[in-house]
Amino acid sequence: MDRLALILIIIGAINWGLIGFFQFDLVAAIFGGQAAWLSRIVYAIVGIAGLYAISLLFRDREAAAKSS
């Protein structure tokens, strides 16, 4: 699950980079615009992956504290 979340976050970061540097939204271009239902699903899944990744921050600290 962690790897899947990381892959989705990377996809989101690449998309945001393309928007920032080139004003090109890759997800919207592939799935038919920002308002298309498929694009919105992709945005939502990437957003959920980002929220899930917050738990990774705390998990790393807990694992490091337990090993010391």
C-alpha atoms as a PDB file:
ATOM      1  CA  MET A   1       0.000   0.000   0.000  1.00  0.00           C
ATOM      2  CA  ASP A   2       2.885   2.365   0.788  1.00  0.00           C
ATOM      3  CA  ARG A   3       4.407   1.885  -2.666  1.00  0.00           C
ATOM      4  CA  LEU A   4       1.087   2.460  -4.402  1.00  0.00           C
ATOM      5  CA  ALA A   5       0.596   5.683  -2.458  1.00  0.00           C
ATOM      6  CA  LEU A   6       4.135   6.770  -3.336  1.00  0.00           C
ATOM      7  CA  ILE A   7       3.568   6.075  -7.044  1.00  0.00           C
ATOM      8  CA  LEU A   8       0.351   8.091  -7.010  1.00  0.00           C
ATOM      9  CA  ILE A   9       2.046  10.958  -5.185  1.00  0.00           C
ATOM     10  CA  ILE A  10       4.844  10.965  -7.767  1.00  0.00           C
ATOM     11  CA  ILE A  11       2.250  11.104 -10.556  1.00  0.00           C
ATOM     12  CA  GLY A  12       0.608  14.051  -8.819  1.00  0.00           C
ATOM     13  CA  ALA A  13       3.939  15.807  -8.325  1.00  0.00           C
ATOM     14  CA  ILE A  14       4.874  15.372 -11.984  1.00  0.00           C
ATOM     15  CA  ASN A  15       1.473  16.729 -13.006  1.00  0.00           C
ATOM     16  CA  TRP A  16       1.883  19.756 -10.723  1.00  0.00           C
ATOM     17  CA  GLY A  17       5.382  20.321 -12.078  1.00  0.00           C
ATOM     18  CA  LEU A  18       4.041  20.305 -15.626  1.00  0.00           C
ATOM     19  CA  ILE A  19       1.319  22.761 -14.626  1.00  0.00           C
ATOM     20  CA  GLY A  20       3.812  25.047 -12.900  1.00  0.00           C
ATOM     21  CA  PHE A  21       6.475  25.044 -15.597  1.00  0.00           C
ATOM     22  CA  PHE A  22       4.469  24.657 -18.797  1.00  0.00           C
ATOM     23  CA  GLN A  23       0.806  25.338 -17.869  1.00  0.00           C
ATOM     24  CA  PHE A  24       0.026  21.810 -19.095  1.00  0.00           C
ATOM     25  CA  ASP A  25      -2.239  19.520 -17.085  1.00  0.00           C
ATOM     26  CA  LEU A  26      -1.323  15.995 -18.185  1.00  0.00           C
ATOM     27  CA  VAL A  27      -4.189  14.314 -16.328  1.00  0.00           C
ATOM     28  CA  ALA A  28      -6.724  16.652 -17.942  1.00  0.00           C
ATOM     29  CA  ALA A  29      -5.138  16.135 -21.360  1.00  0.00           C
ATOM     30  CA  ILE A  30      -5.306  12.353 -21.056  1.00  0.00           C
ATOM     31  CA  PHE A  31      -8.758  12.055 -19.488  1.00  0.00           C
ATOM     32  CA  GLY A  32     -10.705  14.825 -21.233  1.00  0.00           C
ATOM     33  CA  GLY A  33     -10.360  18.030 -19.240  1.00  0.00           C
ATOM     34  CA  GLN A  34     -10.335  18.992 -15.590  1.00  0.00           C
ATOM     35  CA  ALA A  35     -14.097  18.702 -15.232  1.00  0.00           C
ATOM     36  CA  ALA A  36     -14.321  15.234 -16.824  1.00  0.00           C
ATOM     37  CA  TRP A  37     -15.432  12.586 -14.357  1.00  0.00           C
ATOM     38  CA  LEU A  38     -12.387  10.387 -15.071  1.00  0.00           C
ATOM     39  CA  SER A  39      -9.992  13.268 -14.406  1.00  0.00           C
ATOM     40  CA  ARG A  40     -11.781  14.044 -11.177  1.00  0.00           C
ATOM     41  CA  ILE A  41     -11.448  10.411 -10.095  1.00  0.00           C
ATOM     42  CA  VAL A  42      -7.698  10.502 -10.792  1.00  0.00           C
ATOM     43  CA  TYR A  43      -7.346  13.791  -8.856  1.00  0.00           C
ATOM     44  CA  ALA A  44      -9.315  12.310  -5.943  1.00  0.00           C
ATOM     45  CA  ILE A  45      -7.233   9.120  -5.841  1.00  0.00           C
ATOM     46  CA  VAL A  46      -3.991  11.125  -5.898  1.00  0.00           C
ATOM     47  CA  GLY A  47      -5.375  13.326  -3.109  1.00  0.00           C
ATOM     48  CA  ILE A  48      -6.282  10.295  -0.998  1.00  0.00           C
ATOM     49  CA  ALA A  49      -2.771   8.915  -1.564  1.00  0.00           C
ATOM     50  CA  GLY A  50      -1.373  12.217  -0.315  1.00  0.00           C
ATOM     51  CA  LEU A  51      -3.481  12.021   2.827  1.00  0.00           C
ATOM     52  CA  TYR A  52      -2.385   8.424   3.369  1.00  0.00           C
ATOM     53  CA  ALA A  53       1.254   9.515   2.995  1.00  0.00           C
ATOM     54  CA  ILE A  54       0.892  11.724   6.055  1.00  0.00           C
ATOM     55  CA  SER A  55       0.880   8.517   8.096  1.00  0.00           C
ATOM     56  CA  LEU A  56       4.279   7.642   6.633  1.00  0.00           C
ATOM     57  CA  LEU A  57       5.800  10.654   8.376  1.00  0.00           C
ATOM     58  CA  PHE A  58       4.740   9.392  11.778  1.00  0.00           C
ATOM     59  CA  ARG A  59       5.483   5.751  11.017  1.00  0.00           C
ATOM     60  CA  ASP A  60       9.140   6.541  10.233  1.00  0.00           C
ATOM     61  CA  ARG A  61       9.540   8.368  13.526  1.00  0.00           C
ATOM     62  CA  GLU A  62       7.949   5.536  15.484  1.00  0.00           C
ATOM     63  CA  ALA A  63      10.145   2.907  13.805  1.00  0.00           C
ATOM     64  CA  ALA A  64      13.303   4.942  14.463  1.00  0.00           C
ATOM     65  CA  ALA A  65      12.335   5.463  18.114  1.00  0.00           C
ATOM     66  CA  LYS A  66      11.675   1.748  18.634  1.00  0.00           C
ATOM     67  CA  SER A  67      14.985   0.679  17.086  1.00  0.00           C
ATOM     68  CA  SER A  68      17.101   2.979  19.281  1.00  0.00           C
END
